[in-house]
Amino acid sequence: MQRPVCIGIAGGSGSGKTTVLKRIVHAIGPDRIAILDHDAYYRDLSHLPVEERGSFNFDHPDALETDLMRAHLDALLQHEVVEKPVYDFTAHCRLEETRTVEPRPVIIVEGILVLAEQALESQMDIKIYVDTADDVRLMRRIRRDLEERGRTIEEVLTQYEQTVRPMHLEFVEPSKRNADVIIPRGGKNHVAIHMVLARIRDLLRNASTSASPADSA
């Protein structure tokens, strides 16, 4: 049985990673892709008082349970089903429910820090960094946090100044050097995305033709 193609998509908060991911899913087909988003693996903060959760540094690698994500990635690469956590970004806690992720020919690992984590990066066949101007990323983050996460403009800007920007400079931006492809302008860069899609299809074709008759039976 052929090994799935593993793709990593990283970039700063608000860079357009989700748009790039959606373009890939649309082109390759949702039935052929499994998605592991790093955001789902934030550590549960339900043991902390509610007022302390909002001041937690969510942009440091230690805020995420990457070991669990790596275990889930390994399982998917071995064609096993996994139960991905579900995180509540309003309450800052992990829910009891999980989301079933079934193995697929393509696995996408997405998140701001996935190229900064060697445990994840080492398993990727294609490593993508979505590169977008800081002011554009900030505007997108403000809009998202206000509309989807129930935060105030003051909370968003304080978090950006205290943790988002410093952690981006320390961990996210340097991970760009691990990328195979850097996509400026995110999902609007049609040429870069077409090149990535061509490489994915090539890897899938090669994996299919290299599979033995016994594996294909």
Protein backbone atom coordinates (compact mmCIF):
# COMPACT_ATOMS: atom_id res chain seq x y z
CA MET A 1 0.00 0.00 0.00
CA GLN A 2 1.44 3.35 -1.03
CA ARG A 3 2.47 5.98 1.49
CA PRO A 4 0.23 9.08 1.46
CA VAL A 5 1.68 12.35 0.20
CA CYS A 6 2.20 14.70 3.16
CA ILE A 7 2.01 18.47 2.61
CA GLY A 8 2.84 21.13 5.17
CA ILE A 9 1.35 24.62 4.97
CA ALA A 10 2.80 27.26 7.32
CA GLY A 11 2.93 31.04 7.52
CA GLY A 12 2.07 33.80 9.94
CA SER A 13 -1.35 34.31 11.45
CA GLY A 14 -3.61 35.79 8.76
CA SER A 15 -1.21 35.00 5.93
CA GLY A 16 -3.79 33.13 3.85
CA LYS A 17 -2.90 29.53 4.72
CA THR A 18 -6.55 28.51 4.80
CA THR A 19 -7.15 29.96 1.33
CA VAL A 20 -4.20 28.02 -0.08
CA LEU A 21 -5.44 24.87 1.65
CA LYS A 22 -8.93 25.32 0.19
CA ARG A 23 -7.51 25.79 -3.30
CA ILE A 24 -5.60 22.52 -2.97
CA VAL A 25 -8.61 20.65 -1.58
CA HIS A 26 -10.84 21.96 -4.38
CA ALA A 27 -8.35 20.95 -7.08
CA ILE A 28 -7.36 17.52 -5.72
CA GLY A 29 -10.76 16.63 -4.26
CA PRO A 30 -11.95 16.56 -0.62
CA ASP A 31 -12.37 12.78 -0.75
CA ARG A 32 -8.63 12.41 -1.39
CA ILE A 33 -7.37 14.69 1.39
CA ALA A 34 -7.08 14.37 5.18
CA ILE A 35 -6.42 17.55 7.15
CA LEU A 36 -4.58 17.95 10.45
CA ASP A 37 -4.70 21.58 11.61
CA HIS A 38 -2.25 22.46 14.37
CA ASP A 39 -4.84 24.77 15.98
CA ALA A 40 -6.88 21.72 16.98
CA TYR A 41 -4.01 20.59 19.22
CA TYR A 42 -3.84 23.57 21.58
CA ARG A 43 -3.43 22.42 25.15
CA ASP A 44 -6.55 22.39 27.30
CA LEU A 45 -6.68 25.38 29.68
CA SER A 46 -9.86 24.40 31.51
CA HIS A 47 -7.83 24.00 34.72
CA LEU A 48 -7.07 27.74 34.73
CA PRO A 49 -9.45 30.48 35.87
CA VAL A 50 -11.28 32.01 32.91
CA GLU A 51 -9.63 35.41 33.40
CA GLU A 52 -6.14 33.84 33.15
CA ARG A 53 -6.76 31.91 29.94
CA GLY A 54 -6.84 34.95 27.68
CA SER A 55 -3.33 36.01 28.76
CA PHE A 56 -1.82 32.62 27.83
CA ASN A 57 0.87 32.69 25.12
CA PHE A 58 -0.91 30.78 22.34
CA ASP A 59 1.84 31.58 19.82
CA HIS A 60 4.67 29.70 21.53
CA PRO A 61 5.34 26.10 20.39
CA ASP A 62 4.78 24.85 23.94
CA ALA A 63 1.12 25.95 23.72
CA LEU A 64 0.44 23.07 21.34
CA GLU A 65 0.44 19.33 21.94
CA THR A 66 2.63 18.59 18.95
CA ASP A 67 3.54 15.10 20.20
CA LEU A 68 -0.11 14.09 19.87
CA MET A 69 -0.34 15.64 16.43
CA ARG A 70 2.79 13.78 15.32
CA ALA A 71 1.28 10.52 16.63
CA HIS A 72 -1.87 11.20 14.64
CA LEU A 73 0.16 12.04 11.54
CA ASP A 74 2.13 8.80 11.88
CA ALA A 75 -1.13 6.85 12.22
CA LEU A 76 -2.60 8.44 9.08
CA LEU A 77 0.59 7.68 7.18
CA GLN A 78 0.07 4.07 8.26
CA HIS A 79 -3.51 4.21 6.91
CA GLU A 80 -5.10 4.30 10.36
CA VAL A 81 -8.09 6.39 11.49
CA VAL A 82 -7.48 9.06 14.17
CA GLU A 83 -9.66 11.16 16.45
CA LYS A 84 -8.59 14.78 16.16
CA PRO A 85 -9.26 17.11 19.13
CA VAL A 86 -11.78 19.94 18.89
CA TYR A 87 -10.73 23.25 20.48
CA ASP A 88 -13.00 26.03 21.70
CA PHE A 89 -11.20 29.31 21.00
CA THR A 90 -13.74 31.36 22.93
CA ALA A 91 -13.39 29.41 26.20
CA HIS A 92 -9.76 28.40 25.51
CA CYS A 93 -10.35 24.74 26.24
CA ARG A 94 -10.47 21.42 24.46
CA LEU A 95 -13.92 19.91 24.08
CA GLU A 96 -14.79 16.34 24.98
CA GLU A 97 -15.90 15.63 21.43
CA THR A 98 -13.40 14.69 18.73
CA ARG A 99 -13.45 14.75 14.95
CA THR A 100 -12.75 11.54 13.03
CA VAL A 101 -10.06 11.86 10.37
CA GLU A 102 -9.72 8.97 7.95
CA PRO A 103 -6.55 8.20 5.99
CA ARG A 104 -6.42 9.62 2.46
CA PRO A 105 -3.88 9.67 -0.39
CA VAL A 106 -2.95 13.24 0.60
CA ILE A 107 -2.47 14.53 4.16
CA ILE A 108 -2.26 18.29 4.76
CA VAL A 109 -0.62 19.50 7.97
CA GLU A 110 -1.46 23.17 8.49
CA GLY A 111 -0.55 25.78 11.10
CA ILE A 112 1.71 28.74 11.84
CA LEU A 113 4.37 26.56 13.48
CA VAL A 114 4.29 23.29 11.52
CA LEU A 115 7.56 24.07 9.70
CA ALA A 116 9.17 25.08 12.99
CA GLU A 117 8.51 21.63 14.47
CA GLN A 118 11.11 19.13 13.23
CA ALA A 119 8.90 16.23 14.33
CA LEU A 120 6.29 17.34 11.78
CA GLU A 121 8.50 18.92 9.12
CA SER A 122 10.56 15.75 8.70
CA GLN A 123 7.50 13.82 7.49
CA MET A 124 6.48 16.29 4.77
CA ASP A 125 6.94 15.69 1.06
CA ILE A 126 6.09 19.29 0.15
CA LYS A 127 6.69 22.20 2.55
CA ILE A 128 4.85 25.45 1.81
CA TYR A 129 5.27 28.82 3.50
CA VAL A 130 2.58 31.42 2.78
CA ASP A 131 4.21 34.86 2.94
CA THR A 132 2.02 37.95 3.36
CA ALA A 133 2.76 41.53 4.47
CA ASP A 134 2.48 42.17 8.22
CA ASP A 135 -0.19 44.87 7.93
CA VAL A 136 -2.41 42.63 5.79
CA ARG A 137 -2.03 39.76 8.26
CA LEU A 138 -2.92 42.01 11.19
CA MET A 139 -6.07 43.30 9.49
CA ARG A 140 -7.19 39.74 8.72
CA ARG A 141 -6.50 38.64 12.30
CA ILE A 142 -8.50 41.54 13.73
CA ARG A 143 -11.46 40.72 11.50
CA ARG A 144 -11.32 37.00 12.34
CA ASP A 145 -11.00 37.45 16.10
CA LEU A 146 -13.80 40.01 16.25
CA GLU A 147 -16.21 38.05 14.08
CA GLU A 148 -15.40 34.44 14.99
CA ARG A 149 -13.86 34.46 18.47
CA GLY A 150 -15.83 37.15 20.27
CA ARG A 151 -12.87 39.33 21.20
CA THR A 152 -12.57 43.10 21.46
CA ILE A 153 -10.25 45.21 19.31
CA GLU A 154 -8.21 46.03 22.43
CA GLU A 155 -7.79 42.33 23.27
CA VAL A 156 -6.69 41.53 19.73
CA LEU A 157 -4.13 44.33 19.55
CA THR A 158 -2.75 43.60 23.03
CA GLN A 159 -2.27 39.94 22.16
CA TYR A 160 -0.66 40.85 18.84
CA GLU A 161 1.82 43.18 20.53
CA GLN A 162 2.66 40.93 23.49
CA THR A 163 2.82 37.46 21.93
CA VAL A 164 1.79 37.18 18.26
CA ARG A 165 4.42 39.47 16.77
CA PRO A 166 7.33 38.43 19.06
CA MET A 167 6.63 34.72 18.52
CA HIS A 168 6.28 35.26 14.78
CA LEU A 169 9.74 36.83 14.67
CA GLU A 170 11.26 34.14 16.91
CA PHE A 171 9.67 30.98 15.53
CA VAL A 172 7.40 31.42 12.49
CA GLU A 173 9.45 33.68 10.23
CA PRO A 174 12.68 31.65 10.67
CA SER A 175 10.81 28.46 9.68
CA LYS A 176 10.54 29.90 6.17
CA ARG A 177 14.03 28.52 5.51
CA ASN A 178 12.60 24.99 5.79
CA ALA A 179 10.06 25.57 3.00
CA ASP A 180 10.32 24.08 -0.47
CA VAL A 181 7.93 26.68 -1.85
CA ILE A 182 7.29 30.23 -0.59
CA ILE A 183 3.98 31.66 -1.79
CA PRO A 184 3.77 35.47 -1.65
CA ARG A 185 0.26 36.96 -1.58
CA GLY A 186 -1.28 33.68 -0.41
CA GLY A 187 -4.29 32.32 -2.25
CA LYS A 188 -4.13 35.09 -4.85
CA ASN A 189 -0.86 33.74 -6.22
CA HIS A 190 -2.39 31.48 -8.87
CA VAL A 191 0.93 30.65 -10.55
CA ALA A 192 2.54 29.35 -7.35
CA ILE A 193 -0.53 27.33 -6.42
CA HIS A 194 -0.68 25.75 -9.89
CA MET A 195 2.98 24.75 -9.50
CA VAL A 196 2.23 23.15 -6.12
CA LEU A 197 -0.77 21.29 -7.57
CA ALA A 198 1.36 19.98 -10.43
CA ARG A 199 3.91 18.63 -7.91
CA ILE A 200 1.19 16.98 -5.80
CA ARG A 201 -0.28 15.26 -8.86
CA ASP A 202 3.19 14.14 -9.91
CA LEU A 203 3.85 12.59 -6.48
CA LEU A 204 0.47 10.85 -6.51
CA ARG A 205 1.15 9.50 -9.99
CA ASN A 206 4.58 8.24 -9.01
CA ALA A 207 3.23 6.62 -5.84
CA SER A 208 0.51 4.89 -7.82
CA THR A 209 2.81 3.53 -10.51
CA SER A 210 5.44 2.39 -8.00
CA ALA A 211 2.92 0.37 -5.97
CA SER A 212 3.34 -3.35 -6.49
CA PRO A 213 0.46 -5.52 -7.76
CA ALA A 214 0.20 -7.05 -4.29
CA ASP A 215 -0.18 -3.56 -2.76
CA SER A 216 -2.83 -2.57 -5.28
CA ALA A 217 -4.90 -5.73 -4.84
